[in-house]
Amino acid sequence: MPDTGLFYLFEVCCSPTKTAQHAFPEIEFVRVQCSTCRHIFRATAPPSLEAFDGGGAALTCPKCGTRQAISGARFAEYMERFPSGNCEEYRASPGDAASAT
């Protein structure tokens, strides 16, 4: 689901699962809205996005500091509902999406 409690997911870009031991895809990019301050941002690297090995990530709002860990299962559920994740645009123009805000 797109609503994680503290963030609303607009886009999720995941790399394909690389090995059988990784049950969930690894997160490359997320575009979200913070539920606390309503700031919309692109998270691509720490401190905004800290991807966990094997799936899942911690998101931190660069404006207000709200932080939430999101499980790989939650991201997998989002990708089932929105299979493209809208990440084709991100992959087509990585220079635009490289910033964390």
C-alpha atoms as a PDB file:
ATOM      1  CA  MET A   1       0.000   0.000   0.000  1.00  0.00           C
ATOM      2  CA  PRO A   2       1.240   3.508  -0.688  1.00  0.00           C
ATOM      3  CA  ASP A   3       0.516   4.840   2.827  1.00  0.00           C
ATOM      4  CA  THR A   4       3.205   3.626   5.229  1.00  0.00           C
ATOM      5  CA  GLY A   5       1.964   5.637   8.209  1.00  0.00           C
ATOM      6  CA  LEU A   6       4.603   8.376   8.181  1.00  0.00           C
ATOM      7  CA  PHE A   7       5.146   8.560   4.417  1.00  0.00           C
ATOM      8  CA  TYR A   8       3.040   8.260   1.274  1.00  0.00           C
ATOM      9  CA  LEU A   9       4.789   6.439  -1.584  1.00  0.00           C
ATOM     10  CA  PHE A  10       4.461   7.947  -5.066  1.00  0.00           C
ATOM     11  CA  GLU A  11       7.245   6.035  -6.835  1.00  0.00           C
ATOM     12  CA  VAL A  12       9.357   3.048  -5.886  1.00  0.00           C
ATOM     13  CA  CYS A  13      12.233   1.844  -8.029  1.00  0.00           C
ATOM     14  CA  CYS A  14      13.705  -1.523  -7.117  1.00  0.00           C
ATOM     15  CA  SER A  15      16.554  -3.539  -8.551  1.00  0.00           C
ATOM     16  CA  PRO A  16      15.650  -7.098  -9.466  1.00  0.00           C
ATOM     17  CA  THR A  17      16.243  -9.734  -6.833  1.00  0.00           C
ATOM     18  CA  LYS A  18      19.817 -10.920  -7.338  1.00  0.00           C
ATOM     19  CA  THR A  19      19.895 -14.184  -5.404  1.00  0.00           C
ATOM     20  CA  ALA A  20      17.475 -16.655  -3.898  1.00  0.00           C
ATOM     21  CA  GLN A  21      18.416 -15.533  -0.381  1.00  0.00           C
ATOM     22  CA  HIS A  22      16.994 -12.052  -1.052  1.00  0.00           C
ATOM     23  CA  ALA A  23      13.256 -12.477  -0.644  1.00  0.00           C
ATOM     24  CA  PHE A  24      12.486  -8.848  -1.572  1.00  0.00           C
ATOM     25  CA  PRO A  25      13.872  -6.455  -4.176  1.00  0.00           C
ATOM     26  CA  GLU A  26      16.489  -3.906  -3.139  1.00  0.00           C
ATOM     27  CA  ILE A  27      15.314  -0.285  -3.138  1.00  0.00           C
ATOM     28  CA  GLU A  28      17.142   2.116  -5.494  1.00  0.00           C
ATOM     29  CA  PHE A  29      14.874   5.166  -5.413  1.00  0.00           C
ATOM     30  CA  VAL A  30      11.715   6.345  -3.688  1.00  0.00           C
ATOM     31  CA  ARG A  31       9.634   9.501  -4.188  1.00  0.00           C
ATOM     32  CA  VAL A  32       7.480  10.136  -1.127  1.00  0.00           C
ATOM     33  CA  GLN A  33       5.497  12.700   0.826  1.00  0.00           C
ATOM     34  CA  CYS A  34       6.157  13.112   4.533  1.00  0.00           C
ATOM     35  CA  SER A  35       2.899  12.889   6.496  1.00  0.00           C
ATOM     36  CA  THR A  36       4.295  15.137   9.227  1.00  0.00           C
ATOM     37  CA  CYS A  37       5.314  18.222   7.204  1.00  0.00           C
ATOM     38  CA  ARG A  38       3.855  17.338   3.754  1.00  0.00           C
ATOM     39  CA  HIS A  39       7.272  17.741   2.071  1.00  0.00           C
ATOM     40  CA  ILE A  40       7.632  15.720  -1.159  1.00  0.00           C
ATOM     41  CA  PHE A  41      11.133  14.472  -1.861  1.00  0.00           C
ATOM     42  CA  ARG A  42      13.194  11.960  -3.819  1.00  0.00           C
ATOM     43  CA  ALA A  43      15.233   9.629  -1.680  1.00  0.00           C
ATOM     44  CA  THR A  44      18.161   7.994  -3.454  1.00  0.00           C
ATOM     45  CA  ALA A  45      20.949   7.821  -0.862  1.00  0.00           C
ATOM     46  CA  PRO A  46      21.644   8.324   2.846  1.00  0.00           C
ATOM     47  CA  PRO A  47      20.466  10.086   4.892  1.00  0.00           C
ATOM     48  CA  SER A  48      17.089  10.235   3.056  1.00  0.00           C
ATOM     49  CA  LEU A  49      17.177   6.585   1.969  1.00  0.00           C
ATOM     50  CA  GLU A  50      19.082   3.839   3.737  1.00  0.00           C
ATOM     51  CA  ALA A  51      18.411   0.583   1.926  1.00  0.00           C
ATOM     52  CA  PHE A  52      18.683  -2.627   3.928  1.00  0.00           C
ATOM     53  CA  ASP A  53      20.505  -5.622   2.517  1.00  0.00           C
ATOM     54  CA  GLY A  54      17.878  -8.103   1.395  1.00  0.00           C
ATOM     55  CA  GLY A  55      15.035  -5.572   1.091  1.00  0.00           C
ATOM     56  CA  GLY A  56      13.440  -2.769   3.045  1.00  0.00           C
ATOM     57  CA  ALA A  57      14.702   0.718   3.784  1.00  0.00           C
ATOM     58  CA  ALA A  58      14.654   3.556   6.281  1.00  0.00           C
ATOM     59  CA  LEU A  59      13.322   6.879   5.010  1.00  0.00           C
ATOM     60  CA  THR A  60      14.154  10.222   6.620  1.00  0.00           C
ATOM     61  CA  CYS A  61      12.467  13.488   5.646  1.00  0.00           C
ATOM     62  CA  PRO A  62      15.156  16.070   4.835  1.00  0.00           C
ATOM     63  CA  LYS A  63      12.869  18.907   5.971  1.00  0.00           C
ATOM     64  CA  CYS A  64      11.559  17.807   9.385  1.00  0.00           C
ATOM     65  CA  GLY A  65      13.597  14.684  10.211  1.00  0.00           C
ATOM     66  CA  THR A  66      10.660  12.265  10.434  1.00  0.00           C
ATOM     67  CA  ARG A  67      12.089   8.751  10.083  1.00  0.00           C
ATOM     68  CA  GLN A  68      10.521   5.377   9.426  1.00  0.00           C
ATOM     69  CA  ALA A  69      11.842   1.924   8.597  1.00  0.00           C
ATOM     70  CA  ILE A  70       9.763   0.161   5.966  1.00  0.00           C
ATOM     71  CA  SER A  71       9.958  -3.575   5.476  1.00  0.00           C
ATOM     72  CA  GLY A  72      10.790  -5.300   2.235  1.00  0.00           C
ATOM     73  CA  ALA A  73       7.350  -6.906   2.433  1.00  0.00           C
ATOM     74  CA  ARG A  74       5.700  -3.463   2.359  1.00  0.00           C
ATOM     75  CA  PHE A  75       7.701  -2.466  -0.728  1.00  0.00           C
ATOM     76  CA  ALA A  76       6.903  -5.830  -2.365  1.00  0.00           C
ATOM     77  CA  GLU A  77       3.206  -5.228  -1.663  1.00  0.00           C
ATOM     78  CA  TYR A  78       3.469  -1.791  -3.297  1.00  0.00           C
ATOM     79  CA  MET A  79       5.186  -3.296  -6.347  1.00  0.00           C
ATOM     80  CA  GLU A  80       2.459  -5.955  -6.667  1.00  0.00           C
ATOM     81  CA  ARG A  81      -0.169  -3.231  -6.714  1.00  0.00           C
ATOM     82  CA  PHE A  82       1.824  -0.843  -8.939  1.00  0.00           C
ATOM     83  CA  PRO A  83       4.127  -3.173 -10.930  1.00  0.00           C
ATOM     84  CA  SER A  84       6.090  -0.501 -12.818  1.00  0.00           C
ATOM     85  CA  GLY A  85       6.660   1.581  -9.681  1.00  0.00           C
ATOM     86  CA  ASN A  86       6.999   4.486 -12.153  1.00  0.00           C
ATOM     87  CA  CYS A  87      10.754   3.965 -12.128  1.00  0.00           C
ATOM     88  CA  GLU A  88      11.206   3.781 -15.920  1.00  0.00           C
ATOM     89  CA  GLU A  89      11.387   7.602 -15.944  1.00  0.00           C
ATOM     90  CA  TYR A  90      14.006   7.528 -13.191  1.00  0.00           C
ATOM     91  CA  ARG A  91      16.159   5.002 -15.021  1.00  0.00           C
ATOM     92  CA  ALA A  92      15.825   6.967 -18.286  1.00  0.00           C
ATOM     93  CA  SER A  93      17.194  10.171 -16.718  1.00  0.00           C
ATOM     94  CA  PRO A  94      19.324   9.311 -13.667  1.00  0.00           C
ATOM     95  CA  GLY A  95      20.874  12.802 -13.562  1.00  0.00           C
ATOM     96  CA  ASP A  96      17.532  14.418 -12.705  1.00  0.00           C
ATOM     97  CA  ALA A  97      16.630  11.927  -9.999  1.00  0.00           C
ATOM     98  CA  ALA A  98      20.054  11.761  -8.363  1.00  0.00           C
ATOM     99  CA  SER A  99      19.304  14.449  -5.810  1.00  0.00           C
ATOM    100  CA  ALA A 100      17.843  13.413  -2.484  1.00  0.00           C
ATOM    101  CA  THR A 101      15.414  16.345  -2.269  1.00  0.00           C
END
